[in-house]
């Protein structure tokens, strides 16, 4: 969203903030179609 872009991208581009990519799971390396991390929808978010 525009708010997320404004909130993070300037700091990510300048090096003021560091980003981490969290995709791989202990039981799924190459197979990313069966993620065990679950997201439950709740009021206002997840």
ModelCIF file with pLDDT and N, C-alpha, C, O atoms, coordinates in Angstrom:
data_MODEL
#
_entry.id   MODEL 
#
_entity.id                         1 
_entity.type                       polymer 
_entity.pdbx_number_of_molecules   1 
#
_entity_poly.entity_id                      1 
_entity_poly.type                           'polypeptide(L)' 
_entity_poly.nstd_linkage                   no 
_entity_poly.nstd_monomer                   no 
_entity_poly.pdbx_seq_one_letter_code       
;(UNK)(UNK)(UNK)(UNK)(UNK)(UNK)(UNK)(UNK)(UNK)(UNK)(UNK)(UNK)(UNK)(UNK)(UNK)(UNK)
(UNK)(UNK)(UNK)(UNK)(UNK)(UNK)(UNK)(UNK)(UNK)(UNK)(UNK)(UNK)(UNK)(UNK)(UNK)(UNK)
(UNK)(UNK)(UNK)(UNK)(UNK)(UNK)(UNK)(UNK)(UNK)(UNK)(UNK)(UNK)(UNK)(UNK)
;
_entity_poly.pdbx_seq_one_letter_code_can   XXXXXXXXXXXXXXXXXXXXXXXXXXXXXXXXXXXXXXXXXXXXXX 
_entity_poly.pdbx_strand_id                 A 
#
loop_
_entity_poly_seq.entity_id 
_entity_poly_seq.num 
_entity_poly_seq.mon_id 
_entity_poly_seq.hetero 
1 1  UNK n 
1 2  UNK n 
1 3  UNK n 
1 4  UNK n 
1 5  UNK n 
1 6  UNK n 
1 7  UNK n 
1 8  UNK n 
1 9  UNK n 
1 10 UNK n 
1 11 UNK n 
1 12 UNK n 
1 13 UNK n 
1 14 UNK n 
1 15 UNK n 
1 16 UNK n 
1 17 UNK n 
1 18 UNK n 
1 19 UNK n 
1 20 UNK n 
1 21 UNK n 
1 22 UNK n 
1 23 UNK n 
1 24 UNK n 
1 25 UNK n 
1 26 UNK n 
1 27 UNK n 
1 28 UNK n 
1 29 UNK n 
1 30 UNK n 
1 31 UNK n 
1 32 UNK n 
1 33 UNK n 
1 34 UNK n 
1 35 UNK n 
1 36 UNK n 
1 37 UNK n 
1 38 UNK n 
1 39 UNK n 
1 40 UNK n 
1 41 UNK n 
1 42 UNK n 
1 43 UNK n 
1 44 UNK n 
1 45 UNK n 
1 46 UNK n 
#
_struct_asym.id          A 
_struct_asym.entity_id   1 
#
loop_
_ma_qa_metric.id 
_ma_qa_metric.mode 
_ma_qa_metric.name 
_ma_qa_metric.software_group_id 
_ma_qa_metric.type 
1 global pLDDT . pLDDT 
2 local  pLDDT . pLDDT 
#
_ma_qa_metric_global.metric_id      1 
_ma_qa_metric_global.metric_value   91.41 
_ma_qa_metric_global.model_id       1 
_ma_qa_metric_global.ordinal_id     1 
#
loop_
_ma_qa_metric_local.label_asym_id 
_ma_qa_metric_local.label_comp_id 
_ma_qa_metric_local.label_seq_id 
_ma_qa_metric_local.metric_id 
_ma_qa_metric_local.metric_value 
_ma_qa_metric_local.model_id 
_ma_qa_metric_local.ordinal_id 
A UNK 1  2 94.00 1 1  
A UNK 2  2 95.00 1 2  
A UNK 3  2 94.00 1 3  
A UNK 4  2 96.00 1 4  
A UNK 5  2 96.00 1 5  
A UNK 6  2 97.00 1 6  
A UNK 7  2 96.00 1 7  
A UNK 8  2 97.00 1 8  
A UNK 9  2 98.00 1 9  
A UNK 10 2 98.00 1 10 
A UNK 11 2 98.00 1 11 
A UNK 12 2 98.00 1 12 
A UNK 13 2 98.00 1 13 
A UNK 14 2 97.00 1 14 
A UNK 15 2 96.00 1 15 
A UNK 16 2 97.00 1 16 
A UNK 17 2 97.00 1 17 
A UNK 18 2 98.00 1 18 
A UNK 19 2 98.00 1 19 
A UNK 20 2 97.00 1 20 
A UNK 21 2 95.00 1 21 
A UNK 22 2 95.00 1 22 
A UNK 23 2 94.00 1 23 
A UNK 24 2 93.00 1 24 
A UNK 25 2 93.00 1 25 
A UNK 26 2 91.00 1 26 
A UNK 27 2 82.00 1 27 
A UNK 28 2 74.00 1 28 
A UNK 29 2 63.00 1 29 
A UNK 30 2 62.00 1 30 
A UNK 31 2 67.00 1 31 
A UNK 32 2 69.00 1 32 
A UNK 33 2 72.00 1 33 
A UNK 34 2 80.00 1 34 
A UNK 35 2 91.00 1 35 
A UNK 36 2 93.00 1 36 
A UNK 37 2 95.00 1 37 
A UNK 38 2 96.00 1 38 
A UNK 39 2 96.00 1 39 
A UNK 40 2 96.00 1 40 
A UNK 41 2 95.00 1 41 
A UNK 42 2 96.00 1 42 
A UNK 43 2 95.00 1 43 
A UNK 44 2 95.00 1 44 
A UNK 45 2 95.00 1 45 
A UNK 46 2 97.00 1 46 
#
loop_
_atom_site.group_PDB 
_atom_site.id 
_atom_site.type_symbol 
_atom_site.label_atom_id 
_atom_site.label_alt_id 
_atom_site.label_comp_id 
_atom_site.label_asym_id 
_atom_site.label_entity_id 
_atom_site.label_seq_id 
_atom_site.pdbx_PDB_ins_code 
_atom_site.Cartn_x 
_atom_site.Cartn_y 
_atom_site.Cartn_z 
_atom_site.occupancy 
_atom_site.B_iso_or_equiv 
_atom_site.pdbx_formal_charge 
_atom_site.auth_seq_id 
_atom_site.auth_comp_id 
_atom_site.auth_asym_id 
_atom_site.auth_atom_id 
_atom_site.pdbx_PDB_model_num 
ATOM 1   N N  . UNK A 1 1  ? 0.858   -1.196  0.000  1.00 94.00 ? 1  UNK A N  1 
ATOM 2   C CA . UNK A 1 1  ? 0.000   0.000   0.000  1.00 94.00 ? 1  UNK A CA 1 
ATOM 3   C C  . UNK A 1 1  ? 0.886   1.236   0.000  1.00 94.00 ? 1  UNK A C  1 
ATOM 4   O O  . UNK A 1 1  ? 2.083   1.148   0.274  1.00 94.00 ? 1  UNK A O  1 
ATOM 5   N N  . UNK A 1 2  ? 0.305   2.378   -0.305 1.00 95.00 ? 2  UNK A N  1 
ATOM 6   C CA . UNK A 1 2  ? 1.083   3.614   -0.321 1.00 95.00 ? 2  UNK A CA 1 
ATOM 7   C C  . UNK A 1 2  ? 1.681   3.889   1.055  1.00 95.00 ? 2  UNK A C  1 
ATOM 8   O O  . UNK A 1 2  ? 2.811   4.363   1.161  1.00 95.00 ? 2  UNK A O  1 
ATOM 9   N N  . UNK A 1 3  ? 0.923   3.591   2.102  1.00 94.00 ? 3  UNK A N  1 
ATOM 10  C CA . UNK A 1 3  ? 1.426   3.816   3.459  1.00 94.00 ? 3  UNK A CA 1 
ATOM 11  C C  . UNK A 1 3  ? 2.632   2.920   3.751  1.00 94.00 ? 3  UNK A C  1 
ATOM 12  O O  . UNK A 1 3  ? 3.603   3.361   4.366  1.00 94.00 ? 3  UNK A O  1 
ATOM 13  N N  . UNK A 1 4  ? 2.566   1.667   3.308  1.00 96.00 ? 4  UNK A N  1 
ATOM 14  C CA . UNK A 1 4  ? 3.686   0.740   3.530  1.00 96.00 ? 4  UNK A CA 1 
ATOM 15  C C  . UNK A 1 4  ? 4.896   1.182   2.726  1.00 96.00 ? 4  UNK A C  1 
ATOM 16  O O  . UNK A 1 4  ? 6.020   1.156   3.229  1.00 96.00 ? 4  UNK A O  1 
ATOM 17  N N  . UNK A 1 5  ? 4.679   1.586   1.489  1.00 96.00 ? 5  UNK A N  1 
ATOM 18  C CA . UNK A 1 5  ? 5.802   2.038   0.659  1.00 96.00 ? 5  UNK A CA 1 
ATOM 19  C C  . UNK A 1 5  ? 6.474   3.260   1.271  1.00 96.00 ? 5  UNK A C  1 
ATOM 20  O O  . UNK A 1 5  ? 7.700   3.310   1.375  1.00 96.00 ? 5  UNK A O  1 
ATOM 21  N N  . UNK A 1 6  ? 5.675   4.247   1.676  1.00 97.00 ? 6  UNK A N  1 
ATOM 22  C CA . UNK A 1 6  ? 6.242   5.448   2.281  1.00 97.00 ? 6  UNK A CA 1 
ATOM 23  C C  . UNK A 1 6  ? 6.908   5.142   3.622  1.00 97.00 ? 6  UNK A C  1 
ATOM 24  O O  . UNK A 1 6  ? 7.897   5.772   3.997  1.00 97.00 ? 6  UNK A O  1 
ATOM 25  N N  . UNK A 1 7  ? 6.347   4.165   4.338  1.00 96.00 ? 7  UNK A N  1 
ATOM 26  C CA . UNK A 1 7  ? 6.867   3.856   5.660  1.00 96.00 ? 7  UNK A CA 1 
ATOM 27  C C  . UNK A 1 7  ? 8.192   3.112   5.643  1.00 96.00 ? 7  UNK A C  1 
ATOM 28  O O  . UNK A 1 7  ? 8.993   3.254   6.566  1.00 96.00 ? 7  UNK A O  1 
ATOM 29  N N  . UNK A 1 8  ? 8.438   2.303   4.582  1.00 97.00 ? 8  UNK A N  1 
ATOM 30  C CA . UNK A 1 8  ? 9.629   1.455   4.596  1.00 97.00 ? 8  UNK A CA 1 
ATOM 31  C C  . UNK A 1 8  ? 10.632  1.732   3.480  1.00 97.00 ? 8  UNK A C  1 
ATOM 32  O O  . UNK A 1 8  ? 11.837  1.669   3.725  1.00 97.00 ? 8  UNK A O  1 
ATOM 33  N N  . UNK A 1 9  ? 10.184  2.032   2.278  1.00 98.00 ? 9  UNK A N  1 
ATOM 34  C CA . UNK A 1 9  ? 11.115  2.092   1.150  1.00 98.00 ? 9  UNK A CA 1 
ATOM 35  C C  . UNK A 1 9  ? 12.231  3.129   1.295  1.00 98.00 ? 9  UNK A C  1 
ATOM 36  O O  . UNK A 1 9  ? 13.376  2.816   0.968  1.00 98.00 ? 9  UNK A O  1 
ATOM 37  N N  . UNK A 1 10 ? 11.953  4.351   1.771  1.00 98.00 ? 10 UNK A N  1 
ATOM 38  C CA . UNK A 1 10 ? 13.066  5.301   1.905  1.00 98.00 ? 10 UNK A CA 1 
ATOM 39  C C  . UNK A 1 10 ? 14.179  4.792   2.821  1.00 98.00 ? 10 UNK A C  1 
ATOM 40  O O  . UNK A 1 10 ? 15.360  4.967   2.523  1.00 98.00 ? 10 UNK A O  1 
ATOM 41  N N  . UNK A 1 11 ? 13.802  4.167   3.928  1.00 98.00 ? 11 UNK A N  1 
ATOM 42  C CA . UNK A 1 11 ? 14.807  3.643   4.849  1.00 98.00 ? 11 UNK A CA 1 
ATOM 43  C C  . UNK A 1 11 ? 15.506  2.409   4.280  1.00 98.00 ? 11 UNK A C  1 
ATOM 44  O O  . UNK A 1 11 ? 16.692  2.196   4.533  1.00 98.00 ? 11 UNK A O  1 
ATOM 45  N N  . UNK A 1 12 ? 14.779  1.595   3.513  1.00 98.00 ? 12 UNK A N  1 
ATOM 46  C CA . UNK A 1 12 ? 15.411  0.429   2.900  1.00 98.00 ? 12 UNK A CA 1 
ATOM 47  C C  . UNK A 1 12 ? 16.396  0.853   1.826  1.00 98.00 ? 12 UNK A C  1 
ATOM 48  O O  . UNK A 1 12 ? 17.458  0.245   1.686  1.00 98.00 ? 12 UNK A O  1 
ATOM 49  N N  . UNK A 1 13 ? 16.065  1.879   1.072  1.00 98.00 ? 13 UNK A N  1 
ATOM 50  C CA . UNK A 1 13 ? 16.959  2.357   0.018  1.00 98.00 ? 13 UNK A CA 1 
ATOM 51  C C  . UNK A 1 13 ? 18.202  3.036   0.594  1.00 98.00 ? 13 UNK A C  1 
ATOM 52  O O  . UNK A 1 13 ? 19.288  2.940   0.022  1.00 98.00 ? 13 UNK A O  1 
ATOM 53  N N  . UNK A 1 14 ? 18.039  3.717   1.720  1.00 97.00 ? 14 UNK A N  1 
ATOM 54  C CA . UNK A 1 14 ? 19.163  4.464   2.301  1.00 97.00 ? 14 UNK A CA 1 
ATOM 55  C C  . UNK A 1 14 ? 20.060  3.608   3.185  1.00 97.00 ? 14 UNK A C  1 
ATOM 56  O O  . UNK A 1 14 ? 21.183  4.002   3.498  1.00 97.00 ? 14 UNK A O  1 
ATOM 57  N N  . UNK A 1 15 ? 19.568  2.431   3.590  1.00 96.00 ? 15 UNK A N  1 
ATOM 58  C CA . UNK A 1 15 ? 20.337  1.591   4.503  1.00 96.00 ? 15 UNK A CA 1 
ATOM 59  C C  . UNK A 1 15 ? 20.038  1.867   5.959  1.00 96.00 ? 15 UNK A C  1 
ATOM 60  O O  . UNK A 1 15 ? 20.658  1.275   6.842  1.00 96.00 ? 15 UNK A O  1 
ATOM 61  N N  . UNK A 1 16 ? 19.086  2.770   6.227  1.00 97.00 ? 16 UNK A N  1 
ATOM 62  C CA . UNK A 1 16 ? 18.693  3.034   7.611  1.00 97.00 ? 16 UNK A CA 1 
ATOM 63  C C  . UNK A 1 16 ? 17.949  1.845   8.206  1.00 97.00 ? 16 UNK A C  1 
ATOM 64  O O  . UNK A 1 16 ? 17.922  1.679   9.426  1.00 97.00 ? 16 UNK A O  1 
ATOM 65  N N  . UNK A 1 17 ? 17.344  1.014   7.355  1.00 97.00 ? 17 UNK A N  1 
ATOM 66  C CA . UNK A 1 17 ? 16.636  -0.180  7.796  1.00 97.00 ? 17 UNK A CA 1 
ATOM 67  C C  . UNK A 1 17 ? 17.113  -1.368  6.977  1.00 97.00 ? 17 UNK A C  1 
ATOM 68  O O  . UNK A 1 17 ? 17.508  -1.227  5.820  1.00 97.00 ? 17 UNK A O  1 
ATOM 69  N N  . UNK A 1 18 ? 17.069  -2.550  7.603  1.00 98.00 ? 18 UNK A N  1 
ATOM 70  C CA . UNK A 1 18 ? 17.486  -3.797  6.959  1.00 98.00 ? 18 UNK A CA 1 
ATOM 71  C C  . UNK A 1 18 ? 16.268  -4.710  6.859  1.00 98.00 ? 18 UNK A C  1 
ATOM 72  O O  . UNK A 1 18 ? 15.486  -4.822  7.803  1.00 98.00 ? 18 UNK A O  1 
ATOM 73  N N  . UNK A 1 19 ? 16.114  -5.357  5.710  1.00 98.00 ? 19 UNK A N  1 
ATOM 74  C CA . UNK A 1 19 ? 14.965  -6.233  5.477  1.00 98.00 ? 19 UNK A CA 1 
ATOM 75  C C  . UNK A 1 19 ? 15.397  -7.690  5.422  1.00 98.00 ? 19 UNK A C  1 
ATOM 76  O O  . UNK A 1 19 ? 16.490  -8.013  4.956  1.00 98.00 ? 19 UNK A O  1 
ATOM 77  N N  . UNK A 1 20 ? 14.518  -8.569  5.908  1.00 97.00 ? 20 UNK A N  1 
ATOM 78  C CA . UNK A 1 20 ? 14.769  -10.007 5.880  1.00 97.00 ? 20 UNK A CA 1 
ATOM 79  C C  . UNK A 1 20 ? 13.673  -10.730 5.129  1.00 97.00 ? 20 UNK A C  1 
ATOM 80  O O  . UNK A 1 20 ? 12.493  -10.414 5.287  1.00 97.00 ? 20 UNK A O  1 
ATOM 81  N N  . UNK A 1 21 ? 14.054  -11.700 4.311  1.00 95.00 ? 21 UNK A N  1 
ATOM 82  C CA . UNK A 1 21 ? 13.101  -12.465 3.513  1.00 95.00 ? 21 UNK A CA 1 
ATOM 83  C C  . UNK A 1 21 ? 12.786  -13.776 4.222  1.00 95.00 ? 21 UNK A C  1 
ATOM 84  O O  . UNK A 1 21 ? 13.656  -14.636 4.353  1.00 95.00 ? 21 UNK A O  1 
ATOM 85  N N  . UNK A 1 22 ? 11.547  -13.932 4.679  1.00 95.00 ? 22 UNK A N  1 
ATOM 86  C CA . UNK A 1 22 ? 11.150  -15.107 5.455  1.00 95.00 ? 22 UNK A CA 1 
ATOM 87  C C  . UNK A 1 22 ? 10.164  -15.951 4.654  1.00 95.00 ? 22 UNK A C  1 
ATOM 88  O O  . UNK A 1 22 ? 8.949   -15.800 4.781  1.00 95.00 ? 22 UNK A O  1 
ATOM 89  N N  . UNK A 1 23 ? 10.707  -16.840 3.829  1.00 94.00 ? 23 UNK A N  1 
ATOM 90  C CA . UNK A 1 23 ? 9.884   -17.754 3.045  1.00 94.00 ? 23 UNK A CA 1 
ATOM 91  C C  . UNK A 1 23 ? 10.158  -19.212 3.392  1.00 94.00 ? 23 UNK A C  1 
ATOM 92  O O  . UNK A 1 23 ? 9.228   -19.970 3.670  1.00 94.00 ? 23 UNK A O  1 
ATOM 93  N N  . UNK A 1 24 ? 11.429  -19.610 3.378  1.00 93.00 ? 24 UNK A N  1 
ATOM 94  C CA . UNK A 1 24 ? 11.792  -21.011 3.604  1.00 93.00 ? 24 UNK A CA 1 
ATOM 95  C C  . UNK A 1 24 ? 11.371  -21.474 4.989  1.00 93.00 ? 24 UNK A C  1 
ATOM 96  O O  . UNK A 1 24 ? 11.450  -20.727 5.965  1.00 93.00 ? 24 UNK A O  1 
ATOM 97  N N  . UNK A 1 25 ? 10.923  -22.723 5.056  1.00 93.00 ? 25 UNK A N  1 
ATOM 98  C CA . UNK A 1 25 ? 10.543  -23.315 6.335  1.00 93.00 ? 25 UNK A CA 1 
ATOM 99  C C  . UNK A 1 25 ? 11.365  -24.571 6.589  1.00 93.00 ? 25 UNK A C  1 
ATOM 100 O O  . UNK A 1 25 ? 11.925  -25.138 5.651  1.00 93.00 ? 25 UNK A O  1 
ATOM 101 N N  . UNK A 1 26 ? 11.449  -25.014 7.843  1.00 91.00 ? 26 UNK A N  1 
ATOM 102 C CA . UNK A 1 26 ? 12.291  -26.178 8.155  1.00 91.00 ? 26 UNK A CA 1 
ATOM 103 C C  . UNK A 1 26 ? 11.950  -27.418 7.338  1.00 91.00 ? 26 UNK A C  1 
ATOM 104 O O  . UNK A 1 26 ? 12.836  -28.204 7.003  1.00 91.00 ? 26 UNK A O  1 
ATOM 105 N N  . UNK A 1 27 ? 10.664  -27.597 7.014  1.00 82.00 ? 27 UNK A N  1 
ATOM 106 C CA . UNK A 1 27 ? 10.245  -28.789 6.281  1.00 82.00 ? 27 UNK A CA 1 
ATOM 107 C C  . UNK A 1 27 ? 9.897   -28.509 4.824  1.00 82.00 ? 27 UNK A C  1 
ATOM 108 O O  . UNK A 1 27 ? 9.399   -29.391 4.126  1.00 82.00 ? 27 UNK A O  1 
ATOM 109 N N  . UNK A 1 28 ? 10.155  -27.293 4.363  1.00 74.00 ? 28 UNK A N  1 
ATOM 110 C CA . UNK A 1 28 ? 9.893   -27.005 2.951  1.00 74.00 ? 28 UNK A CA 1 
ATOM 111 C C  . UNK A 1 28 ? 10.960  -26.051 2.447  1.00 74.00 ? 28 UNK A C  1 
ATOM 112 O O  . UNK A 1 28 ? 10.945  -24.856 2.742  1.00 74.00 ? 28 UNK A O  1 
ATOM 113 N N  . UNK A 1 29 ? 11.891  -26.610 1.675  1.00 63.00 ? 29 UNK A N  1 
ATOM 114 C CA . UNK A 1 29 ? 12.936  -25.792 1.076  1.00 63.00 ? 29 UNK A CA 1 
ATOM 115 C C  . UNK A 1 29 ? 12.514  -25.377 -0.317 1.00 63.00 ? 29 UNK A C  1 
ATOM 116 O O  . UNK A 1 29 ? 12.070  -24.250 -0.533 1.00 63.00 ? 29 UNK A O  1 
ATOM 117 N N  . UNK A 1 30 ? 12.658  -26.314 -1.279 1.00 62.00 ? 30 UNK A N  1 
ATOM 118 C CA . UNK A 1 30 ? 12.266  -26.006 -2.650 1.00 62.00 ? 30 UNK A CA 1 
ATOM 119 C C  . UNK A 1 30 ? 10.753  -26.023 -2.840 1.00 62.00 ? 30 UNK A C  1 
ATOM 120 O O  . UNK A 1 30 ? 10.236  -25.333 -3.718 1.00 62.00 ? 30 UNK A O  1 
ATOM 121 N N  . UNK A 1 31 ? 10.040  -26.796 -2.034 1.00 67.00 ? 31 UNK A N  1 
ATOM 122 C CA . UNK A 1 31 ? 8.584   -26.871 -2.165 1.00 67.00 ? 31 UNK A CA 1 
ATOM 123 C C  . UNK A 1 31 ? 7.944   -25.771 -1.329 1.00 67.00 ? 31 UNK A C  1 
ATOM 124 O O  . UNK A 1 31 ? 7.762   -25.922 -0.121 1.00 67.00 ? 31 UNK A O  1 
ATOM 125 N N  . UNK A 1 32 ? 7.607   -24.667 -1.983 1.00 69.00 ? 32 UNK A N  1 
ATOM 126 C CA . UNK A 1 32 ? 7.017   -23.528 -1.273 1.00 69.00 ? 32 UNK A CA 1 
ATOM 127 C C  . UNK A 1 32 ? 5.501   -23.503 -1.418 1.00 69.00 ? 32 UNK A C  1 
ATOM 128 O O  . UNK A 1 32 ? 4.857   -22.504 -1.098 1.00 69.00 ? 32 UNK A O  1 
ATOM 129 N N  . UNK A 1 33 ? 4.932   -24.605 -1.902 1.00 72.00 ? 33 UNK A N  1 
ATOM 130 C CA . UNK A 1 33 ? 3.479   -24.638 -2.105 1.00 72.00 ? 33 UNK A CA 1 
ATOM 131 C C  . UNK A 1 33 ? 2.733   -25.154 -0.886 1.00 72.00 ? 33 UNK A C  1 
ATOM 132 O O  . UNK A 1 33 ? 1.503   -25.129 -0.855 1.00 72.00 ? 33 UNK A O  1 
ATOM 133 N N  . UNK A 1 34 ? 3.470   -25.627 0.128  1.00 80.00 ? 34 UNK A N  1 
ATOM 134 C CA . UNK A 1 34 ? 2.825   -26.191 1.318  1.00 80.00 ? 34 UNK A CA 1 
ATOM 135 C C  . UNK A 1 34 ? 3.417   -25.557 2.576  1.00 80.00 ? 34 UNK A C  1 
ATOM 136 O O  . UNK A 1 34 ? 4.089   -26.220 3.365  1.00 80.00 ? 34 UNK A O  1 
ATOM 137 N N  . UNK A 1 35 ? 3.159   -24.296 2.741  1.00 91.00 ? 35 UNK A N  1 
ATOM 138 C CA . UNK A 1 35 ? 3.702   -23.574 3.885  1.00 91.00 ? 35 UNK A CA 1 
ATOM 139 C C  . UNK A 1 35 ? 2.953   -23.948 5.159  1.00 91.00 ? 35 UNK A C  1 
ATOM 140 O O  . UNK A 1 35 ? 1.723   -23.988 5.183  1.00 91.00 ? 35 UNK A O  1 
ATOM 141 N N  . UNK A 1 36 ? 3.719   -24.222 6.225  1.00 93.00 ? 36 UNK A N  1 
ATOM 142 C CA . UNK A 1 36 ? 3.099   -24.562 7.504  1.00 93.00 ? 36 UNK A CA 1 
ATOM 143 C C  . UNK A 1 36 ? 2.832   -23.346 8.381  1.00 93.00 ? 36 UNK A C  1 
ATOM 144 O O  . UNK A 1 36 ? 2.033   -23.413 9.314  1.00 93.00 ? 36 UNK A O  1 
ATOM 145 N N  . UNK A 1 37 ? 3.501   -22.232 8.081  1.00 95.00 ? 37 UNK A N  1 
ATOM 146 C CA . UNK A 1 37 ? 3.159   -21.008 8.805  1.00 95.00 ? 37 UNK A CA 1 
ATOM 147 C C  . UNK A 1 37 ? 1.754   -20.619 8.390  1.00 95.00 ? 37 UNK A C  1 
ATOM 148 O O  . UNK A 1 37 ? 1.465   -20.474 7.202  1.00 95.00 ? 37 UNK A O  1 
ATOM 149 N N  . UNK A 1 38 ? 0.881   -20.451 9.371  1.00 96.00 ? 38 UNK A N  1 
ATOM 150 C CA . UNK A 1 38 ? -0.536  -20.190 9.107  1.00 96.00 ? 38 UNK A CA 1 
ATOM 151 C C  . UNK A 1 38 ? -0.901  -18.747 9.450  1.00 96.00 ? 38 UNK A C  1 
ATOM 152 O O  . UNK A 1 38 ? -0.368  -18.156 10.389 1.00 96.00 ? 38 UNK A O  1 
ATOM 153 N N  . UNK A 1 39 ? -1.812  -18.208 8.672  1.00 96.00 ? 39 UNK A N  1 
ATOM 154 C CA . UNK A 1 39 ? -2.350  -16.864 8.903  1.00 96.00 ? 39 UNK A CA 1 
ATOM 155 C C  . UNK A 1 39 ? -3.848  -16.981 9.156  1.00 96.00 ? 39 UNK A C  1 
ATOM 156 O O  . UNK A 1 39 ? -4.599  -17.428 8.290  1.00 96.00 ? 39 UNK A O  1 
ATOM 157 N N  . UNK A 1 40 ? -4.279  -16.575 10.351 1.00 96.00 ? 40 UNK A N  1 
ATOM 158 C CA . UNK A 1 40 ? -5.702  -16.596 10.713 1.00 96.00 ? 40 UNK A CA 1 
ATOM 159 C C  . UNK A 1 40 ? -6.246  -15.176 10.665 1.00 96.00 ? 40 UNK A C  1 
ATOM 160 O O  . UNK A 1 40 ? -5.681  -14.263 11.267 1.00 96.00 ? 40 UNK A O  1 
ATOM 161 N N  . UNK A 1 41 ? -7.340  -14.999 9.948  1.00 95.00 ? 41 UNK A N  1 
ATOM 162 C CA . UNK A 1 41 ? -7.931  -13.672 9.870  1.00 95.00 ? 41 UNK A CA 1 
ATOM 163 C C  . UNK A 1 41 ? -8.682  -13.352 11.158 1.00 95.00 ? 41 UNK A C  1 
ATOM 164 O O  . UNK A 1 41 ? -9.470  -14.162 11.648 1.00 95.00 ? 41 UNK A O  1 
ATOM 165 N N  . UNK A 1 42 ? -8.430  -12.170 11.697 1.00 96.00 ? 42 UNK A N  1 
ATOM 166 C CA . UNK A 1 42 ? -9.073  -11.687 12.918 1.00 96.00 ? 42 UNK A CA 1 
ATOM 167 C C  . UNK A 1 42 ? -9.522  -10.258 12.653 1.00 96.00 ? 42 UNK A C  1 
ATOM 168 O O  . UNK A 1 42 ? -9.116  -9.668  11.652 1.00 96.00 ? 42 UNK A O  1 
ATOM 169 N N  . UNK A 1 43 ? -10.342 -9.693  13.513 1.00 95.00 ? 43 UNK A N  1 
ATOM 170 C CA . UNK A 1 43 ? -10.766 -8.309  13.291 1.00 95.00 ? 43 UNK A CA 1 
ATOM 171 C C  . UNK A 1 43 ? -9.568  -7.362  13.130 1.00 95.00 ? 43 UNK A C  1 
ATOM 172 O O  . UNK A 1 43 ? -8.715  -7.273  14.012 1.00 95.00 ? 43 UNK A O  1 
ATOM 173 N N  . UNK A 1 44 ? -9.520  -6.676  12.023 1.00 95.00 ? 44 UNK A N  1 
ATOM 174 C CA . UNK A 1 44 ? -8.481  -5.688  11.788 1.00 95.00 ? 44 UNK A CA 1 
ATOM 175 C C  . UNK A 1 44 ? -7.189  -6.216  11.220 1.00 95.00 ? 44 UNK A C  1 
ATOM 176 O O  . UNK A 1 44 ? -6.274  -5.440  10.946 1.00 95.00 ? 44 UNK A O  1 
ATOM 177 N N  . UNK A 1 45 ? -7.087  -7.547  11.033 1.00 95.00 ? 45 UNK A N  1 
ATOM 178 C CA . UNK A 1 45 ? -5.832  -8.064  10.498 1.00 95.00 ? 45 UNK A CA 1 
ATOM 179 C C  . UNK A 1 45 ? -5.740  -9.569  10.538 1.00 95.00 ? 45 UNK A C  1 
ATOM 180 O O  . UNK A 1 45 ? -6.721  -10.279 10.317 1.00 95.00 ? 45 UNK A O  1 
ATOM 181 N N  . UNK A 1 46 ? -4.510  -10.055 10.831 1.00 97.00 ? 46 UNK A N  1 
ATOM 182 C CA . UNK A 1 46 ? -4.207  -11.477 10.772 1.00 97.00 ? 46 UNK A CA 1 
ATOM 183 C C  . UNK A 1 46 ? -3.315  -11.858 11.954 1.00 97.00 ? 46 UNK A C  1 
ATOM 184 O O  . UNK A 1 46 ? -2.940  -13.022 12.094 1.00 97.00 ? 46 UNK A O  1 
#
